[in-house]
Amino acid sequence: MKVRVRYFASIREALGQGGEELQTRTGTLGGLRDELIARGAPYASVLARGRAVRMALDQDMSDESAALREGCEVAFFPPVTGG
């Protein structure tokens, strides 16, 4: 299925792009993250398991079990801190 992926903050900077449209074979956010990690550097380092990465599906915060659907928008971003 085709999905739109957006990258924010330090993830966007590391990847050198704010987003892309891609074809995926997986059905979940976690599976998509794994597919991106499998691309190798720099995806593997910024989206690596064990790194704090937040995800949203169609602008709603979601966990890795969230189901993808054709044409959905996925966002990856680091946790936000502030004071």
N, C-alpha and C. Protein backbone atom coordinates (compact mmCIF):
# COMPACT_ATOMS: atom_id res chain seq x y z
N MET A 1 0.83 -1.17 0.00
CA MET A 1 0.00 0.00 0.00
C MET A 1 0.88 1.24 0.00
N LYS A 2 0.35 2.33 -0.47
CA LYS A 2 1.08 3.58 -0.52
C LYS A 2 0.73 4.41 0.72
N VAL A 3 1.77 4.94 1.39
CA VAL A 3 1.59 5.80 2.55
C VAL A 3 2.48 7.03 2.41
N ARG A 4 2.08 8.10 3.08
CA ARG A 4 2.89 9.33 3.13
C ARG A 4 3.57 9.36 4.48
N VAL A 5 4.89 9.50 4.48
CA VAL A 5 5.66 9.52 5.71
C VAL A 5 6.27 10.91 5.88
N ARG A 6 6.12 11.46 7.08
CA ARG A 6 6.69 12.77 7.40
C ARG A 6 7.69 12.61 8.54
N TYR A 7 8.77 13.37 8.46
CA TYR A 7 9.82 13.35 9.48
C TYR A 7 9.95 14.75 10.07
N PHE A 8 10.13 14.82 11.39
CA PHE A 8 10.19 16.10 12.06
C PHE A 8 11.45 16.24 12.92
N ALA A 9 11.84 17.51 13.14
CA ALA A 9 12.91 17.90 14.05
C ALA A 9 14.23 17.20 13.72
N SER A 10 14.87 16.60 14.71
CA SER A 10 16.19 16.00 14.50
C SER A 10 16.14 14.82 13.53
N ILE A 11 15.01 14.14 13.43
CA ILE A 11 14.89 13.03 12.47
C ILE A 11 14.93 13.60 11.06
N ARG A 12 14.20 14.67 10.82
CA ARG A 12 14.21 15.32 9.50
C ARG A 12 15.62 15.78 9.14
N GLU A 13 16.30 16.37 10.10
CA GLU A 13 17.66 16.85 9.85
C GLU A 13 18.61 15.71 9.49
N ALA A 14 18.52 14.61 10.22
CA ALA A 14 19.41 13.47 9.98
C ALA A 14 19.14 12.83 8.62
N LEU A 15 17.87 12.78 8.21
CA LEU A 15 17.52 12.14 6.94
C LEU A 15 17.65 13.09 5.75
N GLY A 16 17.69 14.38 6.03
CA GLY A 16 17.82 15.35 4.95
C GLY A 16 16.57 15.54 4.13
N GLN A 17 15.43 15.18 4.70
CA GLN A 17 14.16 15.37 4.00
C GLN A 17 13.01 15.42 5.01
N GLY A 18 11.96 16.13 4.64
CA GLY A 18 10.81 16.27 5.52
C GLY A 18 9.76 15.21 5.33
N GLY A 19 9.87 14.45 4.26
CA GLY A 19 8.88 13.40 4.04
C GLY A 19 9.05 12.71 2.70
N GLU A 20 8.26 11.68 2.52
CA GLU A 20 8.28 10.92 1.27
C GLU A 20 7.03 10.07 1.17
N GLU A 21 6.69 9.70 -0.04
CA GLU A 21 5.63 8.72 -0.25
C GLU A 21 6.31 7.41 -0.57
N LEU A 22 5.81 6.34 0.03
CA LEU A 22 6.44 5.05 -0.25
C LEU A 22 5.44 3.92 -0.24
N GLN A 23 5.84 2.83 -0.85
CA GLN A 23 5.06 1.60 -0.86
C GLN A 23 5.53 0.76 0.31
N THR A 24 4.60 0.16 1.03
CA THR A 24 4.96 -0.71 2.13
C THR A 24 4.20 -2.02 2.03
N ARG A 25 4.81 -3.06 2.54
CA ARG A 25 4.18 -4.38 2.57
C ARG A 25 3.59 -4.67 3.94
N THR A 26 3.93 -3.84 4.92
CA THR A 26 3.50 -4.09 6.28
C THR A 26 2.14 -3.47 6.56
N GLY A 27 1.55 -3.86 7.67
CA GLY A 27 0.24 -3.34 8.01
C GLY A 27 0.21 -2.52 9.28
N THR A 28 1.39 -2.33 9.92
CA THR A 28 1.41 -1.61 11.20
C THR A 28 2.50 -0.54 11.21
N LEU A 29 2.36 0.40 12.14
CA LEU A 29 3.40 1.42 12.31
C LEU A 29 4.74 0.79 12.67
N GLY A 30 4.73 -0.19 13.56
CA GLY A 30 5.97 -0.86 13.94
C GLY A 30 6.63 -1.55 12.77
N GLY A 31 5.83 -2.19 11.93
CA GLY A 31 6.37 -2.83 10.74
C GLY A 31 6.98 -1.84 9.77
N LEU A 32 6.34 -0.67 9.63
CA LEU A 32 6.88 0.38 8.77
C LEU A 32 8.20 0.89 9.33
N ARG A 33 8.26 1.08 10.62
CA ARG A 33 9.51 1.51 11.24
C ARG A 33 10.62 0.50 10.95
N ASP A 34 10.31 -0.79 11.06
CA ASP A 34 11.31 -1.83 10.76
C ASP A 34 11.75 -1.79 9.30
N GLU A 35 10.81 -1.55 8.38
CA GLU A 35 11.17 -1.44 6.97
C GLU A 35 12.13 -0.27 6.74
N LEU A 36 11.85 0.84 7.38
CA LEU A 36 12.72 2.01 7.24
C LEU A 36 14.10 1.75 7.84
N ILE A 37 14.15 1.11 9.00
CA ILE A 37 15.42 0.76 9.63
C ILE A 37 16.24 -0.14 8.70
N ALA A 38 15.57 -1.05 8.00
CA ALA A 38 16.25 -1.99 7.11
C ALA A 38 16.89 -1.29 5.91
N ARG A 39 16.53 -0.05 5.64
CA ARG A 39 17.17 0.70 4.55
C ARG A 39 18.63 1.00 4.86
N GLY A 40 19.00 0.91 6.12
CA GLY A 40 20.38 1.22 6.50
C GLY A 40 20.51 2.68 6.89
N ALA A 41 21.77 3.11 6.97
CA ALA A 41 22.04 4.49 7.40
C ALA A 41 21.44 5.47 6.40
N PRO A 42 20.95 6.59 6.86
CA PRO A 42 20.83 7.08 8.23
C PRO A 42 19.56 6.63 8.95
N TYR A 43 18.63 5.97 8.23
CA TYR A 43 17.38 5.53 8.85
C TYR A 43 17.62 4.61 10.05
N ALA A 44 18.57 3.71 9.89
CA ALA A 44 18.84 2.73 10.95
C ALA A 44 19.25 3.40 12.25
N SER A 45 19.96 4.50 12.17
CA SER A 45 20.41 5.15 13.40
C SER A 45 19.33 6.01 14.03
N VAL A 46 18.59 6.78 13.24
CA VAL A 46 17.61 7.69 13.85
C VAL A 46 16.31 7.01 14.26
N LEU A 47 15.98 5.87 13.65
CA LEU A 47 14.75 5.16 13.99
C LEU A 47 15.01 3.85 14.74
N ALA A 48 16.25 3.61 15.14
CA ALA A 48 16.66 2.35 15.77
C ALA A 48 15.80 1.99 16.97
N ARG A 49 15.62 0.71 17.16
CA ARG A 49 14.94 0.22 18.36
C ARG A 49 15.75 0.66 19.57
N GLY A 50 15.09 1.06 20.62
CA GLY A 50 15.78 1.55 21.79
C GLY A 50 15.91 3.07 21.80
N ARG A 51 15.74 3.69 20.64
CA ARG A 51 15.74 5.16 20.58
C ARG A 51 14.33 5.65 20.84
N ALA A 52 14.23 6.77 21.51
CA ALA A 52 12.92 7.36 21.77
C ALA A 52 12.41 8.02 20.48
N VAL A 53 11.39 7.42 19.90
CA VAL A 53 10.78 7.94 18.69
C VAL A 53 9.27 7.92 18.89
N ARG A 54 8.64 9.05 18.66
CA ARG A 54 7.18 9.13 18.74
C ARG A 54 6.62 8.94 17.35
N MET A 55 5.39 8.42 17.27
CA MET A 55 4.75 8.16 15.99
C MET A 55 3.31 8.64 16.02
N ALA A 56 2.86 9.11 14.88
CA ALA A 56 1.47 9.52 14.74
C ALA A 56 0.92 8.92 13.45
N LEU A 57 -0.34 8.57 13.48
CA LEU A 57 -1.03 8.05 12.30
C LEU A 57 -2.20 8.98 12.03
N ASP A 58 -2.19 9.61 10.88
CA ASP A 58 -3.20 10.60 10.51
C ASP A 58 -3.41 11.63 11.62
N GLN A 59 -2.30 12.13 12.14
CA GLN A 59 -2.21 13.20 13.12
C GLN A 59 -2.74 12.83 14.50
N ASP A 60 -2.84 11.54 14.79
CA ASP A 60 -3.18 11.06 16.13
C ASP A 60 -2.01 10.24 16.66
N MET A 61 -1.55 10.57 17.87
CA MET A 61 -0.47 9.80 18.48
C MET A 61 -0.88 8.33 18.52
N SER A 62 0.04 7.46 18.14
CA SER A 62 -0.27 6.03 18.02
C SER A 62 0.90 5.20 18.49
N ASP A 63 0.60 3.96 18.84
CA ASP A 63 1.68 3.04 19.18
C ASP A 63 1.98 2.16 17.97
N GLU A 64 2.96 1.30 18.12
CA GLU A 64 3.44 0.52 16.98
C GLU A 64 2.44 -0.50 16.44
N SER A 65 1.40 -0.80 17.21
CA SER A 65 0.42 -1.77 16.74
C SER A 65 -0.66 -1.14 15.87
N ALA A 66 -0.65 0.18 15.71
CA ALA A 66 -1.67 0.87 14.91
C ALA A 66 -1.64 0.38 13.47
N ALA A 67 -2.83 0.14 12.93
CA ALA A 67 -2.96 -0.40 11.57
C ALA A 67 -2.87 0.69 10.52
N LEU A 68 -2.03 0.45 9.53
CA LEU A 68 -1.91 1.36 8.39
C LEU A 68 -3.03 1.08 7.40
N ARG A 69 -3.34 2.09 6.59
CA ARG A 69 -4.31 1.90 5.51
C ARG A 69 -3.85 2.72 4.31
N GLU A 70 -4.31 2.37 3.16
CA GLU A 70 -3.93 3.04 1.92
C GLU A 70 -4.09 4.55 2.05
N GLY A 71 -3.03 5.28 1.71
CA GLY A 71 -3.08 6.74 1.69
C GLY A 71 -2.94 7.43 3.03
N CYS A 72 -2.68 6.68 4.09
CA CYS A 72 -2.57 7.31 5.41
C CYS A 72 -1.28 8.12 5.52
N GLU A 73 -1.26 8.98 6.53
CA GLU A 73 -0.08 9.79 6.82
C GLU A 73 0.54 9.32 8.13
N VAL A 74 1.82 9.02 8.07
CA VAL A 74 2.58 8.58 9.24
C VAL A 74 3.61 9.65 9.55
N ALA A 75 3.78 9.96 10.84
CA ALA A 75 4.79 10.94 11.24
C ALA A 75 5.71 10.33 12.28
N PHE A 76 7.00 10.59 12.12
CA PHE A 76 8.02 10.18 13.10
C PHE A 76 8.68 11.43 13.65
N PHE A 77 8.79 11.51 14.97
CA PHE A 77 9.47 12.65 15.58
C PHE A 77 10.03 12.28 16.93
N PRO A 78 11.07 13.00 17.37
CA PRO A 78 11.65 12.72 18.69
C PRO A 78 10.71 13.25 19.76
N PRO A 79 10.83 12.75 20.98
CA PRO A 79 10.02 13.29 22.07
C PRO A 79 10.32 14.78 22.26
N VAL A 80 9.32 15.50 22.64
CA VAL A 80 9.46 16.94 22.84
C VAL A 80 9.67 17.22 24.32
N THR A 81 10.64 18.06 24.61
CA THR A 81 10.87 18.49 25.99
C THR A 81 10.75 19.99 26.02
N GLY A 82 10.53 20.50 27.16
CA GLY A 82 10.41 21.95 27.25
C GLY A 82 10.43 22.39 28.70
N GLY A 83 10.32 23.64 28.88
CA GLY A 83 10.36 24.14 30.23
C GLY A 83 9.77 25.51 30.34
